[in-house]
């Protein structure tokens, strides 16, 4: 009787499939952009919006699928969490933000609390029947919900960017898709992956870890989310504090737009993008720490390598 690990051999194909998904999807998106600009055919706009909004989220979910832990994460479950979880998250966030939040200095923190709560609730609801819950699988399924949320949200932003005061703007639509596609890996998917790992971190691997650590992680992720959304305003405030003049302050208080100096424009760009980079690094480092802790907790051999028997 001979034992052989089924891990690396069986996971090789899924681990490479994300490259093909991204390559083919990117080619189709570029072709759609070119043909849409060349023909001006408005019927191609939905195709452009969907391809651009879903390309990066789907790619990252496929990449994560090849790194599952226990085999509990099936393709059907992953698709269900991506689509259903994403839609439930978007709908729930829209309802709660409409009726609970109002313009105020704490608006972005409220948005972070609401959106992270609905994504976490959607994840728990869709995975409640899993018989074994491992932290690594929770990260993957959490990322699926988060990327689903990001994909549907990006589709909305891209569609809205199409309409300008000068008419339809394909340039604004494409720019919005490129920007949100570049930022997608360090946004919703990352934050919900962190919460998913904590939710699935119970020692018995049978129940959700509804602990103080989950609450603190939820609050921490919500703060990252709020800072991310408000980074434009934070950068603007810091720029004015560091380089603003009394004349500019007076004009702003009277409700006038202020023309920034070249120094202020450059400083604002550095602060806004630098702030987003710092938040992204914090989120990635947090996820890596959760991943390392999950690995240490499962090195006893339980389902880390599923053996197959050869007679």
Protein backbone atom coordinates (compact mmCIF):
# COMPACT_ATOMS: atom_id res chain seq x y z
CA UNK A 1 0.00 0.00 0.00
CA UNK A 2 1.46 3.39 -1.03
CA UNK A 3 0.44 6.88 0.00
CA UNK A 4 0.84 9.84 -2.28
CA UNK A 5 0.00 13.48 -1.69
CA UNK A 6 -2.68 14.80 -3.98
CA UNK A 7 -2.04 18.47 -3.19
CA UNK A 8 0.53 19.85 -5.68
CA UNK A 9 -0.36 17.59 -8.60
CA UNK A 10 -4.08 18.21 -8.51
CA UNK A 11 -3.80 21.96 -7.84
CA UNK A 12 -1.35 22.74 -10.65
CA UNK A 13 -4.01 23.32 -13.31
CA UNK A 14 -6.26 25.57 -11.19
CA UNK A 15 -3.25 27.61 -10.12
CA UNK A 16 -2.46 28.42 -13.73
CA UNK A 17 -6.00 28.96 -14.94
CA UNK A 18 -6.16 32.52 -13.58
CA UNK A 19 -3.48 33.58 -16.06
CA UNK A 20 -5.55 32.32 -18.99
CA UNK A 21 -8.67 33.97 -17.58
CA UNK A 22 -6.90 37.30 -17.24
CA UNK A 23 -5.18 37.08 -20.62
CA UNK A 24 -8.31 36.18 -22.56
CA UNK A 25 -10.46 38.65 -20.63
CA UNK A 26 -7.99 41.50 -21.14
CA UNK A 27 -7.79 40.79 -24.86
CA UNK A 28 -11.58 40.79 -25.16
CA UNK A 29 -11.82 44.03 -23.19
CA UNK A 30 -9.22 45.77 -25.37
CA UNK A 31 -10.97 44.57 -28.53
CA UNK A 32 -14.30 45.83 -27.18
CA UNK A 33 -12.75 49.24 -26.39
CA UNK A 34 -11.27 49.52 -29.89
CA UNK A 35 -14.45 48.46 -31.70
CA UNK A 36 -16.65 50.68 -29.52
CA UNK A 37 -14.49 53.74 -30.19
CA UNK A 38 -14.25 52.89 -33.90
CA UNK A 39 -17.97 52.34 -34.46
CA UNK A 40 -19.60 54.40 -31.73
CA UNK A 41 -22.10 51.57 -31.32
CA UNK A 42 -23.95 52.13 -28.00
CA UNK A 43 -25.02 48.46 -27.95
CA UNK A 44 -21.42 47.57 -27.04
CA UNK A 45 -21.43 49.69 -23.88
CA UNK A 46 -22.91 46.93 -21.62
CA UNK A 47 -20.25 44.51 -22.87
CA UNK A 48 -17.55 47.07 -22.17
CA UNK A 49 -18.89 47.78 -18.68
CA UNK A 50 -19.21 44.11 -17.71
CA UNK A 51 -15.83 43.01 -19.07
CA UNK A 52 -13.98 45.90 -17.48
CA UNK A 53 -15.72 45.59 -14.13
CA UNK A 54 -15.48 41.81 -13.72
CA UNK A 55 -12.06 41.07 -15.27
CA UNK A 56 -9.84 41.72 -12.25
CA UNK A 57 -12.27 40.42 -9.57
CA UNK A 58 -12.87 37.15 -11.45
CA UNK A 59 -9.13 36.73 -12.05
CA UNK A 60 -8.29 37.12 -8.37
CA UNK A 61 -11.04 34.74 -7.31
CA UNK A 62 -9.70 32.14 -9.76
CA UNK A 63 -6.20 32.70 -8.37
CA UNK A 64 -7.43 32.22 -4.81
CA UNK A 65 -9.41 29.09 -5.73
CA UNK A 66 -6.16 27.26 -6.50
CA UNK A 67 -4.98 27.91 -2.95
CA UNK A 68 -7.85 26.50 -0.93
CA UNK A 69 -7.13 24.39 2.11
CA UNK A 70 -9.61 21.59 2.67
CA UNK A 71 -11.40 20.88 -0.58
CA UNK A 72 -14.62 22.27 0.90
CA UNK A 73 -14.49 25.25 -1.45
CA UNK A 74 -16.12 23.93 -4.61
CA UNK A 75 -16.46 25.88 -7.84
CA UNK A 76 -20.21 26.06 -7.27
CA UNK A 77 -19.78 27.52 -3.79
CA UNK A 78 -17.19 30.00 -5.00
CA UNK A 79 -19.46 31.17 -7.82
CA UNK A 80 -22.38 31.42 -5.41
CA UNK A 81 -20.44 33.55 -2.94
CA UNK A 82 -19.09 35.76 -5.75
CA UNK A 83 -22.41 36.45 -7.47
CA UNK A 84 -24.99 36.07 -4.70
CA UNK A 85 -22.77 37.50 -2.00
CA UNK A 86 -21.78 40.42 -4.21
CA UNK A 87 -25.37 41.26 -5.14
CA UNK A 88 -26.65 40.87 -1.58
CA UNK A 89 -23.82 43.07 -0.36
CA UNK A 90 -24.51 45.83 -2.89
CA UNK A 91 -28.26 45.77 -2.27
CA UNK A 92 -27.93 45.67 1.51
CA UNK A 93 -25.37 48.47 1.54
CA UNK A 94 -27.52 50.62 -0.72
CA UNK A 95 -30.59 50.24 1.50
CA UNK A 96 -28.78 50.81 4.78
CA UNK A 97 -26.74 53.76 3.52
CA UNK A 98 -29.85 55.40 2.08
CA UNK A 99 -31.91 55.19 5.26
CA UNK A 100 -29.26 55.30 8.00
CA UNK A 101 -26.52 57.61 6.75
CA UNK A 102 -26.68 61.34 6.18
CA UNK A 103 -24.06 63.91 5.12
CA UNK A 104 -21.76 64.44 8.10
CA UNK A 105 -18.04 64.33 9.00
CA UNK A 106 -18.46 60.67 9.94
CA UNK A 107 -20.17 59.64 6.71
CA UNK A 108 -17.29 57.59 5.36
CA UNK A 109 -16.88 55.72 8.64
CA UNK A 110 -20.58 54.89 8.50
CA UNK A 111 -20.16 53.63 4.95
CA UNK A 112 -17.28 51.42 6.04
CA UNK A 113 -19.28 49.96 8.92
CA UNK A 114 -22.32 49.28 6.73
CA UNK A 115 -20.55 47.76 3.73
CA UNK A 116 -18.23 45.54 5.76
CA UNK A 117 -21.18 44.37 7.87
CA UNK A 118 -23.33 43.39 4.89
CA UNK A 119 -20.46 41.57 3.21
CA UNK A 120 -19.65 39.68 6.40
CA UNK A 121 -23.34 38.80 6.87
CA UNK A 122 -23.60 37.60 3.26
CA UNK A 123 -20.49 35.44 3.72
CA UNK A 124 -21.83 33.87 6.92
CA UNK A 125 -25.24 33.20 5.37
CA UNK A 126 -23.88 31.56 2.21
CA UNK A 127 -21.34 29.36 4.03
CA UNK A 128 -23.39 28.40 7.09
CA UNK A 129 -23.83 24.81 5.90
CA UNK A 130 -20.13 24.05 5.48
CA UNK A 131 -19.30 21.11 7.72
CA UNK A 132 -15.64 22.14 8.14
CA UNK A 133 -14.54 25.73 8.35
CA UNK A 134 -10.84 26.51 7.97
CA UNK A 135 -9.38 30.00 8.12
CA UNK A 136 -7.69 29.75 4.71
CA UNK A 137 -10.99 28.74 3.10
CA UNK A 138 -12.67 31.61 4.91
CA UNK A 139 -10.18 34.02 3.35
CA UNK A 140 -10.91 32.65 -0.11
CA UNK A 141 -14.67 32.76 0.30
CA UNK A 142 -14.48 36.18 1.92
CA UNK A 143 -12.42 37.42 -1.00
CA UNK A 144 -15.05 36.00 -3.37
CA UNK A 145 -17.82 37.99 -1.64
CA UNK A 146 -15.66 41.10 -1.56
CA UNK A 147 -14.63 40.87 -5.20
CA UNK A 148 -18.23 40.19 -6.20
CA UNK A 149 -19.24 43.34 -4.34
CA UNK A 150 -16.42 45.27 -6.04
CA UNK A 151 -17.38 43.99 -9.51
CA UNK A 152 -21.02 45.02 -9.28
CA UNK A 153 -20.09 48.33 -7.63
CA UNK A 154 -17.50 49.06 -10.34
CA UNK A 155 -20.08 48.33 -13.03
CA UNK A 156 -22.29 50.99 -11.47
CA UNK A 157 -19.48 53.53 -11.29
CA UNK A 158 -18.42 52.82 -14.88
CA UNK A 159 -21.97 53.21 -16.15
CA UNK A 160 -22.39 56.47 -14.24
CA UNK A 161 -19.08 57.81 -15.59
CA UNK A 162 -20.45 57.38 -19.11
CA UNK A 163 -22.87 60.27 -18.60
CA UNK A 164 -21.32 63.75 -18.46
CA UNK A 165 -22.57 67.29 -18.94
CA UNK A 166 -21.11 67.17 -22.45
CA UNK A 167 -22.89 63.94 -23.39
CA UNK A 168 -21.74 60.32 -23.37
CA UNK A 169 -18.03 59.88 -22.64
CA UNK A 170 -16.42 56.55 -23.45
CA UNK A 171 -13.09 57.98 -22.31
CA UNK A 172 -14.39 58.56 -18.79
CA UNK A 173 -15.93 55.08 -18.74
CA UNK A 174 -12.64 53.41 -19.77
CA UNK A 175 -10.60 55.51 -17.33
CA UNK A 176 -12.94 54.58 -14.48
CA UNK A 177 -12.67 50.88 -15.30
CA UNK A 178 -8.87 51.01 -15.49
CA UNK A 179 -8.55 52.87 -12.19
CA UNK A 180 -10.98 50.64 -10.31
CA UNK A 181 -9.45 47.54 -11.86
CA UNK A 182 -5.99 48.54 -10.60
CA UNK A 183 -7.30 49.26 -7.11
CA UNK A 184 -9.66 46.26 -6.84
CA UNK A 185 -7.11 43.79 -5.37
CA UNK A 186 -6.46 46.00 -2.34
CA UNK A 187 -10.06 47.05 -1.69
CA UNK A 188 -13.23 45.09 -0.98
CA UNK A 189 -11.73 41.68 -1.75
CA UNK A 190 -8.83 42.20 0.63
CA UNK A 191 -10.94 43.54 3.49
CA UNK A 192 -13.54 40.76 3.33
CA UNK A 193 -10.81 38.13 2.99
CA UNK A 194 -9.43 39.29 6.34
CA UNK A 195 -12.84 39.04 7.98
CA UNK A 196 -13.48 35.66 6.37
CA UNK A 197 -10.27 34.27 7.82
CA UNK A 198 -11.20 35.46 11.30
CA UNK A 199 -14.80 34.20 10.97
CA UNK A 200 -13.52 30.72 10.06
CA UNK A 201 -10.84 30.59 12.77
CA UNK A 202 -12.72 28.54 15.39
CA UNK A 203 -10.54 25.81 16.88
CA UNK A 204 -13.09 23.06 16.24
CA UNK A 205 -13.44 24.01 12.54
CA UNK A 206 -17.19 23.39 12.82
CA UNK A 207 -18.63 26.72 13.88
CA UNK A 208 -18.07 30.38 13.13
CA UNK A 209 -15.70 32.19 15.47
CA UNK A 210 -18.13 34.80 16.84
CA UNK A 211 -15.56 36.29 19.19
CA UNK A 212 -14.25 39.65 20.34
CA UNK A 213 -11.43 39.21 17.83
CA UNK A 214 -13.99 39.14 15.02
CA UNK A 215 -15.59 42.33 16.33
CA UNK A 216 -12.23 44.10 16.58
CA UNK A 217 -11.26 42.90 13.11
CA UNK A 218 -14.56 44.17 11.73
CA UNK A 219 -13.97 47.59 13.30
CA UNK A 220 -10.37 47.66 12.05
CA UNK A 221 -11.35 46.76 8.51
CA UNK A 222 -14.13 49.35 8.60
CA UNK A 223 -11.58 52.00 9.59
CA UNK A 224 -9.35 51.01 6.65
CA UNK A 225 -12.39 51.21 4.39
CA UNK A 226 -13.37 54.64 5.73
CA UNK A 227 -9.84 56.04 5.38
CA UNK A 228 -9.67 54.66 1.83
CA UNK A 229 -12.92 56.35 0.82
CA UNK A 230 -12.00 59.64 2.49
CA UNK A 231 -8.38 59.82 1.29
CA UNK A 232 -9.25 62.47 -1.31
CA UNK A 233 -10.60 64.77 1.41
CA UNK A 234 -7.74 63.95 3.78
CA UNK A 235 -5.15 64.78 1.11
CA UNK A 236 -6.95 68.01 0.25
CA UNK A 237 -7.09 69.08 3.90
CA UNK A 238 -3.42 68.28 4.49
CA UNK A 239 -2.44 70.14 1.32
CA UNK A 240 -4.28 73.26 2.45
CA UNK A 241 -2.85 73.03 5.97
CA UNK A 242 0.71 72.70 4.66
CA UNK A 243 0.64 75.11 1.70
CA UNK A 244 -2.63 77.05 1.84
CA UNK A 245 -2.71 80.84 1.88
CA UNK A 246 -5.08 83.12 3.83
CA UNK A 247 -6.65 84.19 0.53
CA UNK A 248 -7.43 80.59 -0.43
CA UNK A 249 -8.93 79.90 3.00
CA UNK A 250 -11.15 82.97 2.73
CA UNK A 251 -12.38 81.98 -0.74
CA UNK A 252 -13.15 78.44 0.42
CA UNK A 253 -15.14 79.74 3.39
CA UNK A 254 -17.20 81.87 1.01
CA UNK A 255 -17.93 78.86 -1.19
CA UNK A 256 -15.67 79.70 -4.12
CA UNK A 257 -13.47 77.23 -5.99
CA UNK A 258 -9.75 77.80 -5.49
CA UNK A 259 -7.20 77.38 -8.26
CA UNK A 260 -4.33 75.32 -6.79
CA UNK A 261 -0.72 76.20 -7.40
CA UNK A 262 1.55 73.66 -9.18
CA UNK A 263 3.11 72.83 -5.82
CA UNK A 264 -0.29 72.18 -4.27
CA UNK A 265 -1.40 70.02 -7.19
CA UNK A 266 1.72 67.86 -6.94
CA UNK A 267 1.49 67.62 -3.15
CA UNK A 268 -2.18 66.63 -3.32
CA UNK A 269 -1.38 63.85 -5.81
CA UNK A 270 1.46 62.54 -3.66
CA UNK A 271 -0.61 62.60 -0.47
CA UNK A 272 -3.71 60.98 -2.00
CA UNK A 273 -1.90 58.17 -3.80
CA UNK A 274 0.64 57.77 -1.02
CA UNK A 275 -2.15 57.42 1.50
CA UNK A 276 -3.86 54.75 -0.58
CA UNK A 277 -0.54 52.89 -0.92
CA UNK A 278 -0.03 52.93 2.85
CA UNK A 279 -3.55 51.61 3.47
CA UNK A 280 -3.03 48.89 0.86
CA UNK A 281 0.23 47.80 2.52
CA UNK A 282 -1.46 47.70 5.92
CA UNK A 283 -4.27 45.54 4.54
CA UNK A 284 -1.93 43.14 2.74
CA UNK A 285 0.31 42.82 5.80
CA UNK A 286 -2.75 42.09 7.96
CA UNK A 287 -3.95 39.39 5.56
CA UNK A 288 -0.48 37.81 5.46
CA UNK A 289 -0.40 37.70 9.25
CA UNK A 290 -3.82 36.03 9.29
CA UNK A 291 -2.64 33.58 6.64
CA UNK A 292 0.48 32.72 8.61
CA UNK A 293 -1.53 32.20 11.78
CA UNK A 294 -3.94 29.94 9.90
CA UNK A 295 -1.04 27.88 8.55
CA UNK A 296 0.46 27.42 11.99
CA UNK A 297 -2.89 26.28 13.32
CA UNK A 298 -3.24 23.53 10.72
CA UNK A 299 0.28 22.13 10.49
CA UNK A 300 -0.73 19.15 12.59
CA UNK A 301 -1.62 17.42 9.34
CA UNK A 302 -5.41 17.62 9.44
CA UNK A 303 -6.42 17.96 5.82
CA UNK A 304 -3.28 19.97 4.99
CA UNK A 305 -2.47 17.28 2.47
CA UNK A 306 -5.27 14.95 1.48
CA UNK A 307 -3.68 11.55 0.84
CA UNK A 308 -4.69 9.21 -1.91
CA UNK A 309 -4.15 5.47 -1.66
CA UNK A 310 -2.46 3.54 -4.43
CA UNK A 311 -2.71 -0.23 -4.25
